[in-house]
């Protein structure tokens, strides 16, 4: 009889221990909520948004503004129109002053933002320029961003992309500070 009691007590202790281990996370969560602390690491939002601007975006040198994608250069600027795209790359250009000003606006059927990013020409392809991605809201408003610290001897291109394969992007872009 003593042996049965010991086994029953041991089994109850084991069940209690397993139950408490399962409750540990719940109890810890309650303590964290009550004290306002957390063991979880919050990811920092590193999205870089272009700034809204009241400057008008005027496109020059493009004969057909309704084209799916068209670019032109004039007066140290690259101009682009895009109608119904997901992603496009401009041609390569240099940045003699080491800094680019990008102004863009857009509308879309789905997602509420698109992005512009800078790529540097290297042997065998292109290399992303760190910290050059800016997001632009697709509300039809003009937005502006500046990318500086660029090598005047290097060649660059801008990528316009839209994180959707279901909807299309429509808009305009002006890149100031380039040489053909």
C-alpha atoms as a PDB file:
ATOM      1  CA  UNK A   1       0.000   0.000   0.000  1.00  0.00           C
ATOM      2  CA  UNK A   2       2.843   2.369   0.851  1.00  0.00           C
ATOM      3  CA  UNK A   3       4.348   1.697  -2.555  1.00  0.00           C
ATOM      4  CA  UNK A   4       1.080   2.605  -4.335  1.00  0.00           C
ATOM      5  CA  UNK A   5       0.830   5.857  -2.380  1.00  0.00           C
ATOM      6  CA  UNK A   6       4.409   6.743  -3.299  1.00  0.00           C
ATOM      7  CA  UNK A   7       3.746   6.049  -6.986  1.00  0.00           C
ATOM      8  CA  UNK A   8       0.519   8.080  -6.897  1.00  0.00           C
ATOM      9  CA  UNK A   9       2.288  10.976  -5.119  1.00  0.00           C
ATOM     10  CA  UNK A  10       5.184  10.777  -7.606  1.00  0.00           C
ATOM     11  CA  UNK A  11       2.781  10.782 -10.590  1.00  0.00           C
ATOM     12  CA  UNK A  12       0.858  13.735  -9.143  1.00  0.00           C
ATOM     13  CA  UNK A  13       4.115  15.629  -8.630  1.00  0.00           C
ATOM     14  CA  UNK A  14       5.132  14.840 -12.213  1.00  0.00           C
ATOM     15  CA  UNK A  15       1.764  16.012 -13.594  1.00  0.00           C
ATOM     16  CA  UNK A  16       1.976  19.187 -11.497  1.00  0.00           C
ATOM     17  CA  UNK A  17       5.536  19.871 -12.709  1.00  0.00           C
ATOM     18  CA  UNK A  18       4.574  19.375 -16.366  1.00  0.00           C
ATOM     19  CA  UNK A  19       1.527  21.601 -15.864  1.00  0.00           C
ATOM     20  CA  UNK A  20       3.632  24.351 -14.292  1.00  0.00           C
ATOM     21  CA  UNK A  21       6.178  24.179 -17.095  1.00  0.00           C
ATOM     22  CA  UNK A  22       3.359  24.611 -19.601  1.00  0.00           C
ATOM     23  CA  UNK A  23       2.021  27.582 -17.631  1.00  0.00           C
ATOM     24  CA  UNK A  24       5.432  29.252 -17.370  1.00  0.00           C
ATOM     25  CA  UNK A  25       4.967  31.222 -20.583  1.00  0.00           C
ATOM     26  CA  UNK A  26       1.457  32.260 -19.610  1.00  0.00           C
ATOM     27  CA  UNK A  27       2.537  33.308 -16.126  1.00  0.00           C
ATOM     28  CA  UNK A  28       5.549  35.147 -17.543  1.00  0.00           C
ATOM     29  CA  UNK A  29       3.295  36.938 -20.026  1.00  0.00           C
ATOM     30  CA  UNK A  30       0.958  38.039 -17.220  1.00  0.00           C
ATOM     31  CA  UNK A  31       3.900  39.337 -15.168  1.00  0.00           C
ATOM     32  CA  UNK A  32       5.292  41.232 -18.187  1.00  0.00           C
ATOM     33  CA  UNK A  33       1.920  42.810 -18.948  1.00  0.00           C
ATOM     34  CA  UNK A  34       1.459  43.859 -15.335  1.00  0.00           C
ATOM     35  CA  UNK A  35       4.948  45.330 -15.093  1.00  0.00           C
ATOM     36  CA  UNK A  36       5.036  46.804 -18.618  1.00  0.00           C
ATOM     37  CA  UNK A  37       8.184  44.909 -19.650  1.00  0.00           C
ATOM     38  CA  UNK A  38       8.930  42.306 -22.308  1.00  0.00           C
ATOM     39  CA  UNK A  39      11.562  39.725 -23.214  1.00  0.00           C
ATOM     40  CA  UNK A  40      10.634  40.005 -26.892  1.00  0.00           C
ATOM     41  CA  UNK A  41      12.893  41.973 -29.205  1.00  0.00           C
ATOM     42  CA  UNK A  42      10.947  44.513 -31.223  1.00  0.00           C
ATOM     43  CA  UNK A  43      12.082  44.916 -34.824  1.00  0.00           C
ATOM     44  CA  UNK A  44      12.822  48.503 -35.655  1.00  0.00           C
ATOM     45  CA  UNK A  45      11.002  49.920 -38.668  1.00  0.00           C
ATOM     46  CA  UNK A  46      13.764  51.091 -40.994  1.00  0.00           C
ATOM     47  CA  UNK A  47      11.478  52.169 -43.826  1.00  0.00           C
ATOM     48  CA  UNK A  48      12.774  55.410 -45.307  1.00  0.00           C
ATOM     49  CA  UNK A  49       9.908  57.508 -46.599  1.00  0.00           C
ATOM     50  CA  UNK A  50      10.412  60.272 -49.152  1.00  0.00           C
ATOM     51  CA  UNK A  51       9.263  63.667 -47.916  1.00  0.00           C
ATOM     52  CA  UNK A  52       6.117  65.265 -49.287  1.00  0.00           C
ATOM     53  CA  UNK A  53       6.838  68.397 -51.310  1.00  0.00           C
ATOM     54  CA  UNK A  54       4.763  71.246 -52.700  1.00  0.00           C
ATOM     55  CA  UNK A  55       7.184  71.711 -55.619  1.00  0.00           C
ATOM     56  CA  UNK A  56       5.468  70.810 -58.889  1.00  0.00           C
ATOM     57  CA  UNK A  57       6.768  67.757 -60.740  1.00  0.00           C
ATOM     58  CA  UNK A  58       7.189  68.799 -64.364  1.00  0.00           C
ATOM     59  CA  UNK A  59       8.294  66.194 -66.899  1.00  0.00           C
ATOM     60  CA  UNK A  60      10.259  67.313 -69.972  1.00  0.00           C
ATOM     61  CA  UNK A  61      11.261  65.630 -73.210  1.00  0.00           C
ATOM     62  CA  UNK A  62       8.811  62.723 -73.221  1.00  0.00           C
ATOM     63  CA  UNK A  63       6.650  62.783 -76.339  1.00  0.00           C
ATOM     64  CA  UNK A  64       4.084  60.197 -75.197  1.00  0.00           C
ATOM     65  CA  UNK A  65       3.133  60.588 -71.524  1.00  0.00           C
ATOM     66  CA  UNK A  66       0.750  57.640 -71.902  1.00  0.00           C
ATOM     67  CA  UNK A  67       3.578  55.210 -72.766  1.00  0.00           C
ATOM     68  CA  UNK A  68       3.943  52.144 -70.563  1.00  0.00           C
ATOM     69  CA  UNK A  69       7.461  53.340 -69.692  1.00  0.00           C
ATOM     70  CA  UNK A  70       9.483  56.171 -71.215  1.00  0.00           C
ATOM     71  CA  UNK A  71      12.521  58.201 -70.159  1.00  0.00           C
ATOM     72  CA  UNK A  72      14.282  61.320 -71.389  1.00  0.00           C
ATOM     73  CA  UNK A  73      17.216  63.447 -70.209  1.00  0.00           C
ATOM     74  CA  UNK A  74      17.437  67.229 -70.316  1.00  0.00           C
ATOM     75  CA  UNK A  75      19.282  69.908 -68.336  1.00  0.00           C
ATOM     76  CA  UNK A  76      21.019  67.503 -65.924  1.00  0.00           C
ATOM     77  CA  UNK A  77      17.798  65.614 -65.171  1.00  0.00           C
ATOM     78  CA  UNK A  78      16.385  62.210 -66.012  1.00  0.00           C
ATOM     79  CA  UNK A  79      12.617  62.156 -66.498  1.00  0.00           C
ATOM     80  CA  UNK A  80      10.419  59.064 -66.495  1.00  0.00           C
ATOM     81  CA  UNK A  81       6.754  58.222 -66.934  1.00  0.00           C
ATOM     82  CA  UNK A  82       5.350  54.807 -66.079  1.00  0.00           C
ATOM     83  CA  UNK A  83       1.878  53.484 -66.739  1.00  0.00           C
ATOM     84  CA  UNK A  84       0.916  49.988 -65.642  1.00  0.00           C
ATOM     85  CA  UNK A  85       4.286  48.650 -64.436  1.00  0.00           C
ATOM     86  CA  UNK A  86       5.575  46.544 -61.547  1.00  0.00           C
ATOM     87  CA  UNK A  87       9.266  47.344 -61.898  1.00  0.00           C
ATOM     88  CA  UNK A  88      11.602  49.212 -64.251  1.00  0.00           C
ATOM     89  CA  UNK A  89      15.251  50.279 -64.342  1.00  0.00           C
ATOM     90  CA  UNK A  90      16.458  53.521 -65.852  1.00  0.00           C
ATOM     91  CA  UNK A  91      19.515  53.576 -68.053  1.00  0.00           C
ATOM     92  CA  UNK A  92      22.907  54.242 -66.458  1.00  0.00           C
ATOM     93  CA  UNK A  93      24.110  57.772 -65.729  1.00  0.00           C
ATOM     94  CA  UNK A  94      26.843  59.485 -63.718  1.00  0.00           C
ATOM     95  CA  UNK A  95      26.420  61.826 -60.773  1.00  0.00           C
ATOM     96  CA  UNK A  96      29.105  64.533 -61.130  1.00  0.00           C
ATOM     97  CA  UNK A  97      28.102  66.341 -57.938  1.00  0.00           C
ATOM     98  CA  UNK A  98      27.952  63.166 -55.814  1.00  0.00           C
ATOM     99  CA  UNK A  99      24.302  63.732 -54.901  1.00  0.00           C
ATOM    100  CA  UNK A 100      20.910  62.992 -56.493  1.00  0.00           C
ATOM    101  CA  UNK A 101      17.544  64.580 -55.848  1.00  0.00           C
ATOM    102  CA  UNK A 102      14.621  62.366 -56.774  1.00  0.00           C
ATOM    103  CA  UNK A 103      11.084  63.666 -57.056  1.00  0.00           C
ATOM    104  CA  UNK A 104       8.262  61.248 -57.826  1.00  0.00           C
ATOM    105  CA  UNK A 105       4.550  60.707 -57.561  1.00  0.00           C
ATOM    106  CA  UNK A 106       2.355  57.764 -58.284  1.00  0.00           C
ATOM    107  CA  UNK A 107      -0.999  56.070 -58.025  1.00  0.00           C
ATOM    108  CA  UNK A 108      -1.787  52.389 -57.823  1.00  0.00           C
ATOM    109  CA  UNK A 109      -4.672  49.990 -57.751  1.00  0.00           C
ATOM    110  CA  UNK A 110      -3.630  48.088 -54.624  1.00  0.00           C
ATOM    111  CA  UNK A 111      -0.555  48.634 -52.464  1.00  0.00           C
ATOM    112  CA  UNK A 112      -0.177  52.134 -51.085  1.00  0.00           C
ATOM    113  CA  UNK A 113       3.522  52.634 -51.781  1.00  0.00           C
ATOM    114  CA  UNK A 114       6.263  52.070 -54.305  1.00  0.00           C
ATOM    115  CA  UNK A 115      10.003  52.391 -53.926  1.00  0.00           C
ATOM    116  CA  UNK A 116      12.953  53.891 -55.712  1.00  0.00           C
ATOM    117  CA  UNK A 117      16.456  52.550 -55.170  1.00  0.00           C
ATOM    118  CA  UNK A 118      19.886  53.258 -56.595  1.00  0.00           C
ATOM    119  CA  UNK A 119      22.181  50.640 -58.157  1.00  0.00           C
ATOM    120  CA  UNK A 120      25.862  51.074 -59.074  1.00  0.00           C
ATOM    121  CA  UNK A 121      27.288  49.502 -62.223  1.00  0.00           C
ATOM    122  CA  UNK A 122      30.026  46.956 -61.457  1.00  0.00           C
ATOM    123  CA  UNK A 123      31.846  44.338 -63.534  1.00  0.00           C
ATOM    124  CA  UNK A 124      29.285  41.738 -64.483  1.00  0.00           C
ATOM    125  CA  UNK A 125      26.181  43.572 -63.295  1.00  0.00           C
ATOM    126  CA  UNK A 126      24.890  46.012 -60.716  1.00  0.00           C
ATOM    127  CA  UNK A 127      25.373  46.412 -56.971  1.00  0.00           C
ATOM    128  CA  UNK A 128      22.771  47.924 -54.632  1.00  0.00           C
ATOM    129  CA  UNK A 129      23.820  51.247 -53.096  1.00  0.00           C
ATOM    130  CA  UNK A 130      23.284  50.866 -49.321  1.00  0.00           C
ATOM    131  CA  UNK A 131      20.611  53.089 -47.742  1.00  0.00           C
ATOM    132  CA  UNK A 132      19.348  54.303 -51.124  1.00  0.00           C
ATOM    133  CA  UNK A 133      15.816  52.885 -50.981  1.00  0.00           C
ATOM    134  CA  UNK A 134      13.010  55.368 -50.408  1.00  0.00           C
ATOM    135  CA  UNK A 135       9.298  54.619 -50.290  1.00  0.00           C
ATOM    136  CA  UNK A 136       6.783  56.905 -51.959  1.00  0.00           C
ATOM    137  CA  UNK A 137       3.079  56.865 -51.126  1.00  0.00           C
ATOM    138  CA  UNK A 138       0.757  56.193 -54.063  1.00  0.00           C
ATOM    139  CA  UNK A 139      -1.636  59.013 -53.255  1.00  0.00           C
ATOM    140  CA  UNK A 140      -0.809  61.167 -56.310  1.00  0.00           C
ATOM    141  CA  UNK A 141       1.147  63.674 -54.186  1.00  0.00           C
ATOM    142  CA  UNK A 142       4.700  64.742 -55.095  1.00  0.00           C
ATOM    143  CA  UNK A 143       7.488  63.364 -52.872  1.00  0.00           C
ATOM    144  CA  UNK A 144      11.193  64.178 -52.684  1.00  0.00           C
ATOM    145  CA  UNK A 145      14.341  62.448 -51.415  1.00  0.00           C
ATOM    146  CA  UNK A 146      18.094  62.999 -51.657  1.00  0.00           C
ATOM    147  CA  UNK A 147      20.784  60.352 -52.022  1.00  0.00           C
ATOM    148  CA  UNK A 148      24.289  61.648 -51.371  1.00  0.00           C
ATOM    149  CA  UNK A 149      27.811  60.337 -50.904  1.00  0.00           C
ATOM    150  CA  UNK A 150      27.948  58.967 -54.448  1.00  0.00           C
ATOM    151  CA  UNK A 151      31.125  58.435 -56.489  1.00  0.00           C
ATOM    152  CA  UNK A 152      31.213  60.980 -59.365  1.00  0.00           C
ATOM    153  CA  UNK A 153      33.222  58.515 -61.501  1.00  0.00           C
ATOM    154  CA  UNK A 154      30.743  55.625 -61.107  1.00  0.00           C
ATOM    155  CA  UNK A 155      27.665  54.854 -63.176  1.00  0.00           C
ATOM    156  CA  UNK A 156      24.278  54.433 -61.503  1.00  0.00           C
ATOM    157  CA  UNK A 157      20.694  53.539 -62.371  1.00  0.00           C
ATOM    158  CA  UNK A 158      17.413  53.995 -60.517  1.00  0.00           C
ATOM    159  CA  UNK A 159      15.013  51.100 -60.016  1.00  0.00           C
ATOM    160  CA  UNK A 160      11.325  51.846 -59.613  1.00  0.00           C
ATOM    161  CA  UNK A 161       9.474  48.914 -58.087  1.00  0.00           C
ATOM    162  CA  UNK A 162       6.104  48.061 -56.686  1.00  0.00           C
ATOM    163  CA  UNK A 163       5.651  45.165 -54.256  1.00  0.00           C
ATOM    164  CA  UNK A 164       2.692  43.619 -56.020  1.00  0.00           C
ATOM    165  CA  UNK A 165       2.282  41.263 -58.942  1.00  0.00           C
ATOM    166  CA  UNK A 166      -1.458  41.753 -58.983  1.00  0.00           C
ATOM    167  CA  UNK A 167      -1.818  45.524 -59.354  1.00  0.00           C
ATOM    168  CA  UNK A 168      -0.021  48.114 -61.463  1.00  0.00           C
ATOM    169  CA  UNK A 169       1.782  51.376 -60.746  1.00  0.00           C
ATOM    170  CA  UNK A 170       1.291  54.666 -62.601  1.00  0.00           C
ATOM    171  CA  UNK A 171       3.429  57.749 -62.089  1.00  0.00           C
ATOM    172  CA  UNK A 172       6.178  60.222 -62.864  1.00  0.00           C
ATOM    173  CA  UNK A 173       9.777  60.645 -61.709  1.00  0.00           C
ATOM    174  CA  UNK A 174      12.465  63.300 -62.038  1.00  0.00           C
ATOM    175  CA  UNK A 175      16.099  62.598 -61.057  1.00  0.00           C
ATOM    176  CA  UNK A 176      18.212  65.765 -60.704  1.00  0.00           C
ATOM    177  CA  UNK A 177      22.015  65.899 -60.643  1.00  0.00           C
ATOM    178  CA  UNK A 178      22.900  63.478 -63.424  1.00  0.00           C
ATOM    179  CA  UNK A 179      25.090  63.504 -66.507  1.00  0.00           C
ATOM    180  CA  UNK A 180      24.122  61.260 -69.427  1.00  0.00           C
END
